Amino acid sequence: APTSSQRRLIVAFRTADGRDARAEVVSRH
């Protein structure tokens, strides 16, 4: 199959209750 690629981001944000969080997300942008 042709080679495919996926863009991944490490992001940080604050939750509604004030906790700091980090996550790895996939994005097309």
PDB file of all heavy atoms in Angstrom:
ATOM      1  N   ALA A   1       0.860  -1.195   0.000  1.00  0.00           N
ATOM      2  CA  ALA A   1       0.000   0.000   0.000  1.00  0.00           C
ATOM      3  C   ALA A   1       0.890   1.236   0.000  1.00  0.00           C
ATOM      4  O   ALA A   1       2.046   1.189   0.413  1.00  0.00           O
ATOM      5  CB  ALA A   1      -0.900   0.005   1.231  1.00  0.00           C
ATOM      6  N   PRO A   2       0.363   2.346  -0.466  1.00  0.00           N
ATOM      7  CA  PRO A   2       1.172   3.565  -0.441  1.00  0.00           C
ATOM      8  C   PRO A   2       1.467   4.000   0.994  1.00  0.00           C
ATOM      9  O   PRO A   2       0.714   3.712   1.925  1.00  0.00           O
ATOM     10  CB  PRO A   2       0.295   4.599  -1.153  1.00  0.00           C
ATOM     11  CG  PRO A   2      -1.072   4.035  -1.180  1.00  0.00           C
ATOM     12  CD  PRO A   2      -0.949   2.553  -1.038  1.00  0.00           C
ATOM     13  N   THR A   3       2.576   4.677   1.147  1.00  0.00           N
ATOM     14  CA  THR A   3       2.972   5.166   2.463  1.00  0.00           C
ATOM     15  C   THR A   3       1.993   6.241   2.910  1.00  0.00           C
ATOM     16  O   THR A   3       1.624   7.121   2.141  1.00  0.00           O
ATOM     17  CB  THR A   3       4.403   5.750   2.404  1.00  0.00           C
ATOM     18  OG1 THR A   3       5.286   4.728   1.967  1.00  0.00           O
ATOM     19  CG2 THR A   3       4.847   6.259   3.749  1.00  0.00           C
ATOM     20  N   SER A   4       1.570   6.155   4.159  1.00  0.00           N
ATOM     21  CA  SER A   4       0.696   7.186   4.713  1.00  0.00           C
ATOM     22  C   SER A   4       1.391   7.813   5.909  1.00  0.00           C
ATOM     23  O   SER A   4       2.298   7.231   6.497  1.00  0.00           O
ATOM     24  CB  SER A   4      -0.649   6.587   5.126  1.00  0.00           C
ATOM     25  OG  SER A   4      -0.462   5.673   6.177  1.00  0.00           O
ATOM     26  N   SER A   5       0.968   9.009   6.244  1.00  0.00           N
ATOM     27  CA  SER A   5       1.562   9.682   7.397  1.00  0.00           C
ATOM     28  C   SER A   5       0.456  10.276   8.250  1.00  0.00           C
ATOM     29  O   SER A   5      -0.647  10.548   7.776  1.00  0.00           O
ATOM     30  CB  SER A   5       2.548  10.758   6.943  1.00  0.00           C
ATOM     31  OG  SER A   5       1.898  11.703   6.133  1.00  0.00           O
ATOM     32  N   GLN A   6       0.772  10.457   9.510  1.00  0.00           N
ATOM     33  CA  GLN A   6      -0.194  10.978  10.470  1.00  0.00           C
ATOM     34  C   GLN A   6       0.503  12.042  11.310  1.00  0.00           C
ATOM     35  O   GLN A   6       1.566  11.797  11.867  1.00  0.00           O
ATOM     36  CB  GLN A   6      -0.688   9.826  11.345  1.00  0.00           C
ATOM     37  CG  GLN A   6      -1.816  10.163  12.256  1.00  0.00           C
ATOM     38  CD  GLN A   6      -2.256   8.939  13.054  1.00  0.00           C
ATOM     39  OE1 GLN A   6      -1.451   8.345  13.764  1.00  0.00           O
ATOM     40  NE2 GLN A   6      -3.508   8.571  12.915  1.00  0.00           N
ATOM     41  N   ARG A   7      -0.116  13.226  11.385  1.00  0.00           N
ATOM     42  CA  ARG A   7       0.442  14.324  12.165  1.00  0.00           C
ATOM     43  C   ARG A   7      -0.044  14.192  13.610  1.00  0.00           C
ATOM     44  O   ARG A   7      -1.235  14.108  13.867  1.00  0.00           O
ATOM     45  CB  ARG A   7       0.001  15.660  11.594  1.00  0.00           C
ATOM     46  CG  ARG A   7       0.543  16.861  12.323  1.00  0.00           C
ATOM     47  CD  ARG A   7       0.054  18.150  11.699  1.00  0.00           C
ATOM     48  NE  ARG A   7       0.378  18.236  10.290  1.00  0.00           N
ATOM     49  CZ  ARG A   7       1.554  18.648   9.813  1.00  0.00           C
ATOM     50  NH1 ARG A   7       2.509  18.989  10.638  1.00  0.00           N
ATOM     51  NH2 ARG A   7       1.762  18.714   8.516  1.00  0.00           N
ATOM     52  N   ARG A   8       0.897  14.171  14.536  1.00  0.00           N
ATOM     53  CA  ARG A   8       0.552  14.076  15.956  1.00  0.00           C
ATOM     54  C   ARG A   8       1.074  15.305  16.692  1.00  0.00           C
ATOM     55  O   ARG A   8       2.127  15.842  16.366  1.00  0.00           O
ATOM     56  CB  ARG A   8       1.135  12.812  16.561  1.00  0.00           C
ATOM     57  CG  ARG A   8       0.538  11.575  15.933  1.00  0.00           C
ATOM     58  CD  ARG A   8       0.905  10.349  16.662  1.00  0.00           C
ATOM     59  NE  ARG A   8       0.354   9.183  15.960  1.00  0.00           N
ATOM     60  CZ  ARG A   8       0.545   7.961  16.352  1.00  0.00           C
ATOM     61  NH1 ARG A   8       1.260   7.712  17.417  1.00  0.00           N
ATOM     62  NH2 ARG A   8       0.019   6.974  15.680  1.00  0.00           N
ATOM     63  N   LEU A   9       0.307  15.708  17.680  1.00  0.00           N
ATOM     64  CA  LEU A   9       0.642  16.893  18.464  1.00  0.00           C
ATOM     65  C   LEU A   9       0.658  16.536  19.940  1.00  0.00           C
ATOM     66  O   LEU A   9      -0.171  15.768  20.410  1.00  0.00           O
ATOM     67  CB  LEU A   9      -0.408  17.990  18.265  1.00  0.00           C
ATOM     68  CG  LEU A   9      -0.921  18.276  16.859  1.00  0.00           C
ATOM     69  CD1 LEU A   9      -2.115  19.203  16.929  1.00  0.00           C
ATOM     70  CD2 LEU A   9       0.172  18.895  16.031  1.00  0.00           C
ATOM     71  N   ILE A  10       1.575  17.115  20.656  1.00  0.00           N
ATOM     72  CA  ILE A  10       1.548  17.074  22.114  1.00  0.00           C
ATOM     73  C   ILE A  10       0.989  18.418  22.537  1.00  0.00           C
ATOM     74  O   ILE A  10       1.548  19.461  22.182  1.00  0.00           O
ATOM     75  CB  ILE A  10       2.948  16.869  22.725  1.00  0.00           C
ATOM     76  CG1 ILE A  10       3.640  15.639  22.141  1.00  0.00           C
ATOM     77  CG2 ILE A  10       2.868  16.811  24.241  1.00  0.00           C
ATOM     78  CD1 ILE A  10       2.976  14.332  22.451  1.00  0.00           C
ATOM     79  N   VAL A  11      -0.144  18.399  23.254  1.00  0.00           N
ATOM     80  CA  VAL A  11      -0.810  19.637  23.644  1.00  0.00           C
ATOM     81  C   VAL A  11      -0.966  19.691  25.153  1.00  0.00           C
ATOM     82  O   VAL A  11      -1.007  18.656  25.834  1.00  0.00           O
ATOM     83  CB  VAL A  11      -2.189  19.784  22.973  1.00  0.00           C
ATOM     84  CG1 VAL A  11      -2.055  19.861  21.459  1.00  0.00           C
ATOM     85  CG2 VAL A  11      -3.128  18.655  23.358  1.00  0.00           C
ATOM     86  N   ALA A  12      -1.064  20.910  25.671  1.00  0.00           N
ATOM     87  CA  ALA A  12      -1.306  21.141  27.096  1.00  0.00           C
ATOM     88  C   ALA A  12      -2.488  22.093  27.212  1.00  0.00           C
ATOM     89  O   ALA A  12      -2.616  23.029  26.417  1.00  0.00           O
ATOM     90  CB  ALA A  12      -0.073  21.726  27.763  1.00  0.00           C
ATOM     91  N   PHE A  13      -3.334  21.836  28.188  1.00  0.00           N
ATOM     92  CA  PHE A  13      -4.492  22.696  28.402  1.00  0.00           C
ATOM     93  C   PHE A  13      -4.927  22.614  29.861  1.00  0.00           C
ATOM     94  O   PHE A  13      -4.474  21.755  30.613  1.00  0.00           O
ATOM     95  CB  PHE A  13      -5.653  22.305  27.470  1.00  0.00           C
ATOM     96  CG  PHE A  13      -6.148  20.899  27.644  1.00  0.00           C
ATOM     97  CD1 PHE A  13      -7.260  20.626  28.422  1.00  0.00           C
ATOM     98  CD2 PHE A  13      -5.516  19.839  27.009  1.00  0.00           C
ATOM     99  CE1 PHE A  13      -7.727  19.345  28.575  1.00  0.00           C
ATOM    100  CE2 PHE A  13      -5.983  18.550  27.153  1.00  0.00           C
ATOM    101  CZ  PHE A  13      -7.081  18.298  27.937  1.00  0.00           C
ATOM    102  N   ARG A  14      -5.808  23.513  30.230  1.00  0.00           N
ATOM    103  CA  ARG A  14      -6.369  23.530  31.572  1.00  0.00           C
ATOM    104  C   ARG A  14      -7.821  23.088  31.477  1.00  0.00           C
ATOM    105  O   ARG A  14      -8.587  23.594  30.669  1.00  0.00           O
ATOM    106  CB  ARG A  14      -6.275  24.935  32.172  1.00  0.00           C
ATOM    107  CG  ARG A  14      -6.650  24.981  33.646  1.00  0.00           C
ATOM    108  CD  ARG A  14      -6.333  26.339  34.233  1.00  0.00           C
ATOM    109  NE  ARG A  14      -4.922  26.672  34.068  1.00  0.00           N
ATOM    110  CZ  ARG A  14      -4.000  26.542  35.029  1.00  0.00           C
ATOM    111  NH1 ARG A  14      -4.349  26.120  36.202  1.00  0.00           N
ATOM    112  NH2 ARG A  14      -2.755  26.865  34.796  1.00  0.00           N
ATOM    113  N   THR A  15      -8.199  22.137  32.327  1.00  0.00           N
ATOM    114  CA  THR A  15      -9.568  21.637  32.322  1.00  0.00           C
ATOM    115  C   THR A  15     -10.499  22.648  32.979  1.00  0.00           C
ATOM    116  O   THR A  15     -10.043  23.613  33.603  1.00  0.00           O
ATOM    117  CB  THR A  15      -9.676  20.289  33.069  1.00  0.00           C
ATOM    118  OG1 THR A  15      -9.307  20.499  34.435  1.00  0.00           O
ATOM    119  CG2 THR A  15      -8.782  19.240  32.435  1.00  0.00           C
ATOM    120  N   ALA A  16     -11.797  22.418  32.859  1.00  0.00           N
ATOM    121  CA  ALA A  16     -12.787  23.338  33.424  1.00  0.00           C
ATOM    122  C   ALA A  16     -12.659  23.443  34.938  1.00  0.00           C
ATOM    123  O   ALA A  16     -12.958  24.495  35.515  1.00  0.00           O
ATOM    124  CB  ALA A  16     -14.195  22.882  33.052  1.00  0.00           C
ATOM    125  N   ASP A  17     -12.194  22.381  35.599  1.00  0.00           N
ATOM    126  CA  ASP A  17     -12.039  22.436  37.054  1.00  0.00           C
ATOM    127  C   ASP A  17     -10.646  22.887  37.491  1.00  0.00           C
ATOM    128  O   ASP A  17     -10.293  22.818  38.661  1.00  0.00           O
ATOM    129  CB  ASP A  17     -12.395  21.090  37.684  1.00  0.00           C
ATOM    130  CG  ASP A  17     -11.518  19.950  37.203  1.00  0.00           C
ATOM    131  OD1 ASP A  17     -10.646  20.177  36.347  1.00  0.00           O
ATOM    132  OD2 ASP A  17     -11.715  18.813  37.680  1.00  0.00           O
ATOM    133  N   GLY A  18      -9.834  23.376  36.544  1.00  0.00           N
ATOM    134  CA  GLY A  18      -8.545  23.999  36.873  1.00  0.00           C
ATOM    135  C   GLY A  18      -7.340  23.089  36.859  1.00  0.00           C
ATOM    136  O   GLY A  18      -6.238  23.528  37.188  1.00  0.00           O
ATOM    137  N   ARG A  19      -7.493  21.829  36.482  1.00  0.00           N
ATOM    138  CA  ARG A  19      -6.339  20.925  36.424  1.00  0.00           C
ATOM    139  C   ARG A  19      -5.577  21.116  35.128  1.00  0.00           C
ATOM    140  O   ARG A  19      -6.165  21.355  34.084  1.00  0.00           O
ATOM    141  CB  ARG A  19      -6.791  19.464  36.509  1.00  0.00           C
ATOM    142  CG  ARG A  19      -7.396  19.079  37.833  1.00  0.00           C
ATOM    143  CD  ARG A  19      -7.793  17.618  37.837  1.00  0.00           C
ATOM    144  NE  ARG A  19      -8.929  17.450  36.921  1.00  0.00           N
ATOM    145  CZ  ARG A  19      -9.223  16.336  36.286  1.00  0.00           C
ATOM    146  NH1 ARG A  19      -8.474  15.262  36.440  1.00  0.00           N
ATOM    147  NH2 ARG A  19     -10.263  16.265  35.480  1.00  0.00           N
ATOM    148  N   ASP A  20      -4.249  21.011  35.201  1.00  0.00           N
ATOM    149  CA  ASP A  20      -3.428  21.042  33.993  1.00  0.00           C
ATOM    150  C   ASP A  20      -3.392  19.638  33.399  1.00  0.00           C
ATOM    151  O   ASP A  20      -3.270  18.653  34.123  1.00  0.00           O
ATOM    152  CB  ASP A  20      -2.006  21.498  34.321  1.00  0.00           C
ATOM    153  CG  ASP A  20      -1.940  22.979  34.652  1.00  0.00           C
ATOM    154  OD1 ASP A  20      -2.780  23.741  34.132  1.00  0.00           O
ATOM    155  OD2 ASP A  20      -1.066  23.382  35.439  1.00  0.00           O
ATOM    156  N   ALA A  21      -3.514  19.555  32.079  1.00  0.00           N
ATOM    157  CA  ALA A  21      -3.526  18.259  31.413  1.00  0.00           C
ATOM    158  C   ALA A  21      -2.682  18.318  30.157  1.00  0.00           C
ATOM    159  O   ALA A  21      -2.522  19.379  29.543  1.00  0.00           O
ATOM    160  CB  ALA A  21      -4.962  17.857  31.066  1.00  0.00           C
ATOM    161  N   ARG A  22      -2.145  17.170  29.793  1.00  0.00           N
ATOM    162  CA  ARG A  22      -1.409  17.005  28.538  1.00  0.00           C
ATOM    163  C   ARG A  22      -1.993  15.823  27.799  1.00  0.00           C
ATOM    164  O   ARG A  22      -2.444  14.864  28.407  1.00  0.00           O
ATOM    165  CB  ARG A  22       0.075  16.732  28.799  1.00  0.00           C
ATOM    166  CG  ARG A  22       0.846  17.940  29.177  1.00  0.00           C
ATOM    167  CD  ARG A  22       2.306  17.598  29.260  1.00  0.00           C
ATOM    168  NE  ARG A  22       3.031  18.800  29.644  1.00  0.00           N
ATOM    169  CZ  ARG A  22       4.235  19.084  29.250  1.00  0.00           C
ATOM    170  NH1 ARG A  22       4.887  18.238  28.477  1.00  0.00           N
ATOM    171  NH2 ARG A  22       4.821  20.183  29.623  1.00  0.00           N
ATOM    172  N   ALA A  23      -1.949  15.905  26.484  1.00  0.00           N
ATOM    173  CA  ALA A  23      -2.467  14.808  25.669  1.00  0.00           C
ATOM    174  C   ALA A  23      -1.744  14.779  24.335  1.00  0.00           C
ATOM    175  O   ALA A  23      -1.200  15.790  23.878  1.00  0.00           O
ATOM    176  CB  ALA A  23      -3.968  14.982  25.448  1.00  0.00           C
ATOM    177  N   GLU A  24      -1.750  13.599  23.735  1.00  0.00           N
ATOM    178  CA  GLU A  24      -1.243  13.442  22.369  1.00  0.00           C
ATOM    179  C   GLU A  24      -2.467  13.328  21.480  1.00  0.00           C
ATOM    180  O   GLU A  24      -3.315  12.471  21.690  1.00  0.00           O
ATOM    181  CB  GLU A  24      -0.399  12.182  22.269  1.00  0.00           C
ATOM    182  CG  GLU A  24       0.127  11.934  20.885  1.00  0.00           C
ATOM    183  CD  GLU A  24       0.975  10.675  20.812  1.00  0.00           C
ATOM    184  OE1 GLU A  24       1.649  10.351  21.801  1.00  0.00           O
ATOM    185  OE2 GLU A  24       0.938  10.026  19.763  1.00  0.00           O
ATOM    186  N   VAL A  25      -2.589  14.222  20.511  1.00  0.00           N
ATOM    187  CA  VAL A  25      -3.747  14.231  19.627  1.00  0.00           C
ATOM    188  C   VAL A  25      -3.293  14.104  18.178  1.00  0.00           C
ATOM    189  O   VAL A  25      -2.163  14.420  17.841  1.00  0.00           O
ATOM    190  CB  VAL A  25      -4.611  15.510  19.808  1.00  0.00           C
ATOM    191  CG1 VAL A  25      -5.127  15.619  21.222  1.00  0.00           C
ATOM    192  CG2 VAL A  25      -3.860  16.751  19.423  1.00  0.00           C
ATOM    193  N   VAL A  26      -4.206  13.631  17.351  1.00  0.00           N
ATOM    194  CA  VAL A  26      -3.961  13.497  15.916  1.00  0.00           C
ATOM    195  C   VAL A  26      -4.714  14.626  15.228  1.00  0.00           C
ATOM    196  O   VAL A  26      -5.851  14.921  15.576  1.00  0.00           O
ATOM    197  CB  VAL A  26      -4.446  12.130  15.405  1.00  0.00           C
ATOM    198  CG1 VAL A  26      -4.278  12.029  13.904  1.00  0.00           C
ATOM    199  CG2 VAL A  26      -3.716  11.015  16.110  1.00  0.00           C
ATOM    200  N   SER A  27      -4.074  15.265  14.263  1.00  0.00           N
ATOM    201  CA  SER A  27      -4.723  16.363  13.558  1.00  0.00           C
ATOM    202  C   SER A  27      -4.371  16.324  12.082  1.00  0.00           C
ATOM    203  O   SER A  27      -3.278  15.908  11.696  1.00  0.00           O
ATOM    204  CB  SER A  27      -4.277  17.697  14.150  1.00  0.00           C
ATOM    205  OG  SER A  27      -4.818  18.764  13.418  1.00  0.00           O
ATOM    206  N   ARG A  28      -5.316  16.781  11.269  1.00  0.00           N
ATOM    207  CA  ARG A  28      -5.055  16.918   9.834  1.00  0.00           C
ATOM    208  C   ARG A  28      -4.502  18.297   9.519  1.00  0.00           C
ATOM    209  O   ARG A  28      -4.026  18.535   8.420  1.00  0.00           O
ATOM    210  CB  ARG A  28      -6.346  16.693   9.050  1.00  0.00           C
ATOM    211  CG  ARG A  28      -6.875  15.294   9.142  1.00  0.00           C
ATOM    212  CD  ARG A  28      -8.165  15.205   8.420  1.00  0.00           C
ATOM    213  NE  ARG A  28      -9.033  16.278   8.914  1.00  0.00           N
ATOM    214  CZ  ARG A  28     -10.327  16.200   9.048  1.00  0.00           C
ATOM    215  NH1 ARG A  28     -10.944  15.128   8.694  1.00  0.00           N
ATOM    216  NH2 ARG A  28     -11.039  17.199   9.511  1.00  0.00           N
ATOM    217  N   HIS A  29      -4.619  19.233  10.449  1.00  0.00           N
ATOM    218  CA  HIS A  29      -4.170  20.598  10.209  1.00  0.00           C
ATOM    219  C   HIS A  29      -2.691  20.751  10.572  1.00  0.00           C
ATOM    220  O   HIS A  29      -2.217  20.125  11.513  1.00  0.00           O
ATOM    221  CB  HIS A  29      -5.003  21.585  11.026  1.00  0.00           C
ATOM    222  CG  HIS A  29      -6.457  21.552  10.675  1.00  0.00           C
ATOM    223  ND1 HIS A  29      -6.942  21.946   9.450  1.00  0.00           N
ATOM    224  CD2 HIS A  29      -7.539  21.147  11.385  1.00  0.00           C
ATOM    225  CE1 HIS A  29      -8.259  21.794   9.429  1.00  0.00           C
ATOM    226  NE2 HIS A  29      -8.645  21.307  10.590  1.00  0.00           N
TER     227      HIS A  29
END
